[in-house]
Amino acid sequence: FTEKAGSYQSSDTPELVTPPELSGAGSATAFHRATDALVALHETAPGPLTDAVHRHQRRGPSDTQQALDKRVSDAVRAIRRQLLPLATRTDLLMTLNARALDHLLRRLDAGPQLEVRELGARLRAAATPALPNLLGPRPTSHYRSDTDDAMSGWASELLREVAPGSSEDRNRARLVRTPDDVEERLVAAILYRHASLPYRTVRGRVDALPPETRSAVLDDFVRRRGHNDAPLREFEHVEFTFEVVLDGVALREVRRHRLAVRTPQPLTAAHGYLTEPELTDSPLLAPWRAAMDSACAAFRELDRIAPTAAPYVLPLGVRQRVLITFSLRSLVRFVELRSQRNGNRSVRNIALDVLEELRRAHPGVSRLVRVDSAASQSVGGR
């Protein structure tokens, strides 16, 4: 499917939804107290935040004042976005085929949040007249929700919970799984397309090649790739898994790379929140921390009362831990696109971490990734 989201881009006062699960007066009070503080700071932040960002932005020799002002404006908008609670309403325009719609509705029908199930019912009612045979009344599948409940039980039994606090002050990515024979796999896949031998024979001969010959094949394979050319599909035969800790704003951008497989842990307040460098010497730092800490405290209170509704109170600046598996092809595109200077800085840090982890584990393969050498030194972006 394709989608066009207006996610959290408006500078107007955000409209929030109160989770239906918070019907009790006490729980609703905690929710509104925390979200009101976040929204109030979001509304008053632009002036002092603009001053703070200006102090940290360097004007390049070729930058115009207009370019600098746009970079500052983009950074201010991105930082303010971290204050918005997950309960913020947004708009979404989605184009999808009937099969994808049916799959989406099945997932919404089995969603853990009441709001999600109600949204699914409204979408089904709107689309059923056009697709009565496909979307008509049917039993709700509990396969996903029941499996989640069962696996949560196994995790509670087998993995003793320890407070997973995070001391990091920015988003990070760490390589947690990688094959040892990356170059051999790549070269075998590349040559296999042009051979008539079985794979085991091709792989055996590739394993017997001297390392410099395998490197020469890889170099020649990528030598003709232009700036806008995606890597060829042979790169998909190698996969890497990273554990990433990132804030909600960055996660929403990373999720756009649909060729990667993501497994998130539950959103909680356990990993803290992102504090951008611009805030460290700004008068906004104290109210920023107060609003964020208040939201995290409200989450812990609501989690005891209504666990499925508690994440609504958390702002997008709160970090979440996610397991991401890339093929080498999707990794190359992710790093090359997301390490650019004009992108989201948190996502750029992740992309550069991914590249650095690849360099440590597989220096011969990491050189196939093309990155602007100035990107890692840049403080620009949004």
Protein backbone atom coordinates (compact mmCIF):
# COMPACT_ATOMS: atom_id res chain seq x y z
CA PHE A 1 0.00 0.00 0.00
CA THR A 2 0.95 3.64 -0.21
CA GLU A 3 0.27 6.23 2.46
CA LYS A 4 0.53 9.97 2.96
CA ALA A 5 0.47 10.99 6.61
CA GLY A 6 0.16 14.43 8.11
CA SER A 7 1.61 12.98 11.28
CA TYR A 8 2.20 15.57 13.97
CA GLN A 9 3.21 18.28 11.48
CA SER A 10 0.70 20.95 12.41
CA SER A 11 1.90 23.87 14.53
CA ASP A 12 -1.60 24.39 15.91
CA THR A 13 -2.72 23.13 19.28
CA PRO A 14 -2.74 19.32 18.98
CA GLU A 15 -6.02 17.50 19.39
CA LEU A 16 -5.78 14.54 21.73
CA VAL A 17 -7.90 11.43 22.08
CA THR A 18 -8.67 10.10 25.56
CA PRO A 19 -8.42 6.30 25.54
CA PRO A 20 -11.84 4.74 26.22
CA GLU A 21 -10.23 2.42 28.77
CA LEU A 22 -9.59 5.41 31.06
CA SER A 23 -13.18 5.74 32.18
CA GLY A 24 -12.34 6.10 35.88
CA ALA A 25 -11.98 9.64 37.18
CA GLY A 26 -8.61 9.01 38.83
CA SER A 27 -6.93 7.45 35.80
CA ALA A 28 -8.30 10.12 33.46
CA THR A 29 -6.98 12.83 35.78
CA ALA A 30 -3.44 11.43 35.64
CA PHE A 31 -3.66 11.20 31.86
CA HIS A 32 -4.89 14.76 31.35
CA ARG A 33 -2.45 16.24 33.87
CA ALA A 34 0.53 14.80 32.04
CA THR A 35 -0.68 15.43 28.48
CA ASP A 36 -1.76 19.00 29.29
CA ALA A 37 1.78 19.75 30.48
CA LEU A 38 3.26 18.33 27.28
CA VAL A 39 0.89 20.27 25.04
CA ALA A 40 1.43 23.51 26.97
CA LEU A 41 5.21 23.23 26.54
CA HIS A 42 4.74 22.33 22.87
CA GLU A 43 2.86 25.62 22.39
CA THR A 44 5.34 27.85 24.23
CA ALA A 45 8.55 26.20 22.96
CA PRO A 46 9.01 27.74 19.46
CA GLY A 47 10.62 31.04 20.54
CA PRO A 48 13.24 29.81 23.01
CA LEU A 49 13.78 26.64 21.00
CA THR A 50 14.50 28.65 17.85
CA ASP A 51 17.10 30.66 19.75
CA ALA A 52 18.68 27.48 21.09
CA VAL A 53 18.83 25.82 17.66
CA HIS A 54 20.38 28.96 16.12
CA ARG A 55 23.21 28.76 18.63
CA HIS A 56 23.99 25.21 17.57
CA GLN A 57 23.62 25.53 13.80
CA ARG A 58 26.71 26.39 11.79
CA ARG A 59 26.28 28.32 8.59
CA GLY A 60 28.35 26.80 5.83
CA PRO A 61 30.33 28.93 3.38
CA SER A 62 27.81 28.20 0.62
CA ASP A 63 24.66 28.42 2.79
CA THR A 64 22.22 31.22 2.14
CA GLN A 65 20.31 32.83 4.99
CA GLN A 66 17.16 31.23 3.58
CA ALA A 67 18.76 27.77 3.70
CA LEU A 68 19.92 28.32 7.26
CA ASP A 69 16.48 29.55 8.35
CA LYS A 70 14.84 26.49 6.80
CA ARG A 71 17.27 24.16 8.55
CA VAL A 72 16.56 25.85 11.86
CA SER A 73 12.79 25.70 11.26
CA ASP A 74 12.98 21.99 10.40
CA ALA A 75 15.03 21.27 13.54
CA VAL A 76 12.61 23.20 15.75
CA ARG A 77 9.63 21.31 14.32
CA ALA A 78 11.36 17.94 14.80
CA ILE A 79 12.34 18.68 18.40
CA ARG A 80 8.88 20.01 19.29
CA ARG A 81 7.35 16.87 17.84
CA GLN A 82 9.03 14.87 20.60
CA LEU A 83 6.67 16.52 23.10
CA LEU A 84 3.50 15.26 21.44
CA PRO A 85 1.79 12.40 23.30
CA LEU A 86 0.94 9.21 21.50
CA ALA A 87 -2.70 10.27 21.99
CA THR A 88 -2.27 13.07 19.41
CA ARG A 89 -4.76 12.80 16.56
CA THR A 90 -3.39 12.91 13.05
CA ASP A 91 -4.63 12.40 9.51
CA LEU A 92 -3.72 9.59 7.18
CA LEU A 93 -4.44 9.11 3.50
CA MET A 94 -3.92 5.50 2.47
CA THR A 95 -4.26 3.78 -0.90
CA LEU A 96 -4.35 -0.02 -0.77
CA ASN A 97 -5.80 -2.94 -2.67
CA ALA A 98 -8.67 -5.11 -1.44
CA ARG A 99 -6.42 -7.88 -0.18
CA ALA A 100 -4.31 -5.47 1.88
CA LEU A 101 -7.48 -3.84 3.22
CA ASP A 102 -8.84 -7.21 4.35
CA HIS A 103 -5.54 -7.96 6.12
CA LEU A 104 -5.55 -4.54 7.80
CA LEU A 105 -9.12 -4.94 9.05
CA ARG A 106 -8.36 -8.36 10.50
CA ARG A 107 -5.48 -6.85 12.47
CA LEU A 108 -7.58 -3.92 13.67
CA ASP A 109 -10.40 -6.25 14.72
CA ALA A 110 -8.00 -8.10 17.02
CA GLY A 111 -6.19 -4.99 18.30
CA PRO A 112 -5.57 -4.72 22.06
CA GLN A 113 -6.85 -1.12 22.29
CA LEU A 114 -10.58 -0.38 22.17
CA GLU A 115 -9.95 2.63 19.93
CA VAL A 116 -8.19 0.39 17.40
CA ARG A 117 -11.09 -2.08 17.29
CA GLU A 118 -13.61 0.76 16.91
CA LEU A 119 -11.59 2.21 14.04
CA GLY A 120 -11.58 -1.20 12.35
CA ALA A 121 -15.36 -1.43 12.69
CA ARG A 122 -15.84 2.00 11.11
CA LEU A 123 -13.50 1.19 8.24
CA ARG A 124 -15.24 -2.13 7.64
CA ALA A 125 -18.66 -0.46 7.62
CA ALA A 126 -17.45 2.13 5.10
CA ALA A 127 -15.78 -0.37 2.75
CA THR A 128 -18.20 -3.31 2.90
CA PRO A 129 -20.75 -1.86 0.40
CA ALA A 130 -18.00 -1.85 -2.24
CA LEU A 131 -16.63 -5.31 -1.32
CA PRO A 132 -19.51 -7.19 0.32
CA ASN A 133 -18.19 -10.69 -0.38
CA LEU A 134 -14.70 -9.96 0.88
CA LEU A 135 -15.48 -7.76 3.88
CA GLY A 136 -18.87 -9.01 4.99
CA PRO A 137 -19.56 -10.28 8.53
CA ARG A 138 -17.14 -12.95 9.70
CA PRO A 139 -15.83 -14.32 13.00
CA THR A 140 -13.00 -12.29 14.52
CA SER A 141 -9.69 -14.12 14.43
CA HIS A 142 -7.93 -14.21 17.79
CA TYR A 143 -4.84 -15.88 16.37
CA ARG A 144 -2.56 -12.87 16.82
CA SER A 145 -3.86 -11.70 20.21
CA ASP A 146 -4.02 -15.20 21.71
CA THR A 147 -0.51 -15.97 20.47
CA ASP A 148 0.78 -12.70 21.95
CA ASP A 149 -0.78 -13.59 25.29
CA ALA A 150 0.72 -17.08 25.22
CA MET A 151 4.21 -15.86 24.28
CA SER A 152 4.02 -13.16 26.96
CA GLY A 153 3.42 -15.96 29.47
CA TRP A 154 6.44 -17.88 28.20
CA ALA A 155 8.59 -14.74 28.40
CA SER A 156 7.48 -14.05 31.98
CA GLU A 157 8.32 -17.62 32.96
CA LEU A 158 11.62 -18.00 31.12
CA LEU A 159 13.06 -14.47 31.17
CA ARG A 160 13.20 -12.93 34.60
CA GLU A 161 12.54 -9.21 34.31
CA VAL A 162 15.29 -6.85 35.42
CA ALA A 163 14.93 -3.06 35.36
CA PRO A 164 16.23 -2.27 31.83
CA GLY A 165 17.29 1.35 32.44
CA SER A 166 19.18 3.16 29.70
CA SER A 167 22.05 5.58 30.30
CA GLU A 168 22.46 6.59 26.67
CA ASP A 169 21.68 10.13 25.62
CA ARG A 170 20.97 9.48 21.97
CA ASN A 171 19.61 6.82 19.68
CA ARG A 172 21.86 3.81 19.14
CA ALA A 173 22.08 0.72 16.95
CA ARG A 174 24.07 -2.43 17.74
CA LEU A 175 24.73 -5.40 15.53
CA VAL A 176 23.51 -8.50 17.37
CA ARG A 177 23.47 -11.16 14.65
CA THR A 178 25.54 -11.52 11.50
CA PRO A 179 26.80 -14.41 9.39
CA ASP A 180 30.54 -15.07 9.45
CA ASP A 181 30.75 -15.80 5.73
CA VAL A 182 29.26 -12.60 4.30
CA GLU A 183 31.71 -12.16 1.42
CA GLU A 184 31.49 -15.80 0.42
CA ARG A 185 27.68 -15.70 0.38
CA LEU A 186 27.63 -12.54 -1.69
CA VAL A 187 30.13 -13.69 -4.27
CA ALA A 188 28.42 -17.09 -4.58
CA ALA A 189 25.03 -15.43 -5.15
CA ILE A 190 26.53 -13.03 -7.71
CA LEU A 191 28.24 -15.76 -9.72
CA TYR A 192 25.36 -18.23 -9.39
CA ARG A 193 23.15 -16.11 -11.68
CA HIS A 194 25.67 -16.46 -14.48
CA ALA A 195 26.53 -20.15 -14.00
CA SER A 196 24.86 -23.48 -14.75
CA LEU A 197 26.30 -25.30 -11.74
CA PRO A 198 24.45 -26.27 -8.54
CA TYR A 199 24.76 -23.81 -5.66
CA ARG A 200 26.87 -26.14 -3.52
CA THR A 201 29.42 -26.43 -6.32
CA VAL A 202 29.49 -22.66 -6.85
CA ARG A 203 29.85 -22.04 -3.13
CA GLY A 204 32.66 -24.59 -2.81
CA ARG A 205 34.63 -22.92 -5.56
CA VAL A 206 34.03 -19.46 -4.10
CA ASP A 207 35.24 -20.64 -0.70
CA ALA A 208 38.46 -21.81 -2.35
CA LEU A 209 39.15 -18.40 -3.94
CA PRO A 210 41.78 -16.12 -2.41
CA PRO A 211 40.26 -13.15 -0.51
CA GLU A 212 41.61 -10.63 -3.02
CA THR A 213 39.75 -12.38 -5.84
CA ARG A 214 36.45 -12.26 -3.93
CA SER A 215 37.07 -8.58 -3.25
CA ALA A 216 37.69 -7.96 -6.93
CA VAL A 217 34.35 -9.59 -7.83
CA LEU A 218 32.51 -7.44 -5.27
CA ASP A 219 34.22 -4.27 -6.44
CA ASP A 220 33.31 -4.94 -10.05
CA PHE A 221 29.72 -5.84 -9.08
CA VAL A 222 29.08 -2.38 -7.59
CA ARG A 223 31.41 -0.33 -9.79
CA ARG A 224 28.71 0.67 -12.32
CA ARG A 225 26.01 1.57 -9.79
CA GLY A 226 24.87 5.16 -10.20
CA HIS A 227 23.78 7.57 -7.50
CA ASN A 228 20.09 6.70 -7.87
CA ASP A 229 20.53 2.98 -8.52
CA ALA A 230 19.43 0.54 -5.82
CA PRO A 231 21.83 -2.36 -5.21
CA LEU A 232 21.03 -5.47 -7.25
CA ARG A 233 19.02 -8.28 -5.67
CA GLU A 234 21.98 -10.54 -4.96
CA PHE A 235 22.55 -8.37 -1.87
CA GLU A 236 19.34 -9.80 -0.40
CA HIS A 237 20.97 -13.18 0.26
CA VAL A 238 22.78 -11.76 3.33
CA GLU A 239 20.97 -10.48 6.44
CA PHE A 240 22.02 -8.58 9.55
CA THR A 241 20.06 -8.04 12.77
CA PHE A 242 20.44 -4.87 14.86
CA GLU A 243 19.04 -3.93 18.23
CA VAL A 244 18.04 -0.28 18.05
CA VAL A 245 16.98 2.11 20.81
CA LEU A 246 15.21 5.11 19.33
CA ASP A 247 12.62 7.76 20.06
CA GLY A 248 9.11 7.70 18.62
CA VAL A 249 9.76 10.41 16.02
CA ALA A 250 12.71 8.47 14.64
CA LEU A 251 10.81 5.17 14.77
CA ARG A 252 8.08 6.56 12.53
CA GLU A 253 10.69 7.41 9.91
CA VAL A 254 12.53 4.10 10.21
CA ARG A 255 9.22 2.25 9.75
CA ARG A 256 8.96 3.70 6.26
CA HIS A 257 11.72 1.28 5.18
CA ARG A 258 9.32 -1.59 4.67
CA LEU A 259 11.94 -4.02 3.36
CA ALA A 260 13.31 -4.32 6.90
CA VAL A 261 11.71 -6.67 9.45
CA ARG A 262 10.97 -4.98 12.78
CA THR A 263 10.06 -6.56 16.12
CA PRO A 264 9.43 -3.86 18.76
CA GLN A 265 9.31 -4.42 22.48
CA PRO A 266 6.35 -2.87 24.32
CA LEU A 267 6.47 0.90 24.58
CA THR A 268 7.24 1.83 28.19
CA ALA A 269 9.07 4.54 30.12
CA ALA A 270 11.96 2.16 30.90
CA HIS A 271 14.44 3.56 28.36
CA GLY A 272 14.05 7.22 29.18
CA TYR A 273 13.62 9.97 26.61
CA LEU A 274 15.72 11.84 24.12
CA THR A 275 17.16 15.22 25.16
CA GLU A 276 18.54 17.02 22.13
CA PRO A 277 21.90 18.86 22.46
CA GLU A 278 20.20 22.20 21.76
CA LEU A 279 18.33 21.89 25.06
CA THR A 280 21.37 21.49 27.29
CA ASP A 281 22.09 25.24 27.57
CA SER A 282 18.51 26.39 27.00
CA PRO A 283 16.00 27.70 29.57
CA LEU A 284 13.70 25.02 28.14
CA LEU A 285 15.74 22.21 29.68
CA ALA A 286 14.11 22.26 33.12
CA PRO A 287 10.47 22.47 31.91
CA TRP A 288 11.26 19.90 29.20
CA ARG A 289 12.52 17.39 31.75
CA ALA A 290 9.64 18.17 34.10
CA ALA A 291 7.04 17.50 31.39
CA MET A 292 8.77 14.34 30.21
CA ASP A 293 9.26 13.01 33.74
CA SER A 294 5.61 13.76 34.54
CA ALA A 295 4.48 11.77 31.50
CA CYS A 296 6.72 8.83 32.43
CA ALA A 297 5.34 8.88 35.99
CA ALA A 298 1.78 8.99 34.64
CA PHE A 299 2.57 6.01 32.41
CA ARG A 300 3.71 3.95 35.40
CA GLU A 301 0.54 4.89 37.27
CA LEU A 302 -1.76 4.10 34.33
CA ASP A 303 0.09 0.88 33.54
CA ARG A 304 -1.18 -0.56 36.81
CA ILE A 305 -4.78 0.42 36.01
CA ALA A 306 -5.19 0.13 32.23
CA PRO A 307 -2.06 -1.36 30.59
CA THR A 308 -3.36 -1.12 27.02
CA ALA A 309 -4.12 2.59 27.42
CA ALA A 310 -1.00 3.63 29.34
CA PRO A 311 1.23 4.23 26.27
CA TYR A 312 -1.15 6.97 25.05
CA VAL A 313 0.31 9.33 27.67
CA LEU A 314 3.92 8.88 26.54
CA PRO A 315 5.42 11.57 24.29
CA LEU A 316 7.15 10.74 21.02
CA GLY A 317 10.50 11.61 22.59
CA VAL A 318 10.37 8.48 24.76
CA ARG A 319 12.68 5.71 23.57
CA GLN A 320 11.68 2.22 22.52
CA ARG A 321 13.80 -0.85 21.87
CA VAL A 322 13.34 -2.54 18.48
CA LEU A 323 14.94 -5.54 16.75
CA ILE A 324 15.50 -4.80 13.04
CA THR A 325 16.70 -7.27 10.42
CA PHE A 326 18.02 -5.85 7.15
CA SER A 327 19.13 -7.65 4.05
CA LEU A 328 22.38 -6.11 2.83
CA ARG A 329 20.40 -4.53 -0.01
CA SER A 330 17.95 -2.78 2.33
CA LEU A 331 20.77 -1.88 4.73
CA VAL A 332 22.71 -0.13 1.96
CA ARG A 333 19.67 1.91 0.92
CA PHE A 334 18.78 2.75 4.51
CA VAL A 335 22.27 3.98 5.37
CA GLU A 336 22.76 5.90 2.13
CA LEU A 337 19.38 7.63 2.34
CA ARG A 338 19.21 8.26 6.08
CA SER A 339 22.80 9.40 6.70
CA GLN A 340 22.34 12.52 4.61
CA ARG A 341 22.87 15.85 6.33
CA ASN A 342 19.34 17.18 5.74
CA GLY A 343 17.61 14.22 7.41
CA ASN A 344 16.36 13.65 10.92
CA ARG A 345 19.42 13.74 13.16
CA SER A 346 18.30 10.86 15.39
CA VAL A 347 17.72 8.65 12.36
CA ARG A 348 21.05 9.78 10.90
CA ASN A 349 22.79 8.69 14.10
CA ILE A 350 21.16 5.28 13.75
CA ALA A 351 22.22 4.99 10.10
CA LEU A 352 25.81 5.93 10.96
CA ASP A 353 25.82 3.48 13.88
CA VAL A 354 24.61 0.73 11.55
CA LEU A 355 27.45 1.52 9.15
CA GLU A 356 30.04 1.64 11.95
CA GLU A 357 28.86 -1.71 13.32
CA LEU A 358 29.11 -3.18 9.81
CA ARG A 359 32.64 -1.78 9.47
CA ARG A 360 33.72 -3.46 12.70
CA ALA A 361 32.28 -6.83 11.74
CA HIS A 362 32.83 -6.84 7.96
CA PRO A 363 35.18 -4.09 6.75
CA GLY A 364 35.37 -5.60 3.28
CA VAL A 365 31.60 -5.40 2.84
CA SER A 366 31.08 -2.02 4.49
CA ARG A 367 33.09 -0.32 1.77
CA LEU A 368 30.26 -1.16 -0.65
CA VAL A 369 28.09 1.42 1.18
CA ARG A 370 28.39 4.97 -0.10
CA VAL A 371 28.08 7.70 2.52
CA ASP A 372 28.92 11.38 2.45
CA SER A 373 32.02 11.61 4.64
CA ALA A 374 30.81 14.95 6.02
CA ALA A 375 27.56 13.45 7.28
CA SER A 376 29.05 12.08 10.48
CA GLN A 377 30.53 15.48 11.31
CA SER A 378 27.36 17.43 10.62
CA VAL A 379 25.12 18.96 13.26
CA GLY A 380 22.55 19.97 10.69
CA GLY A 381 19.31 18.28 9.83
CA ARG A 382 16.07 18.29 11.69
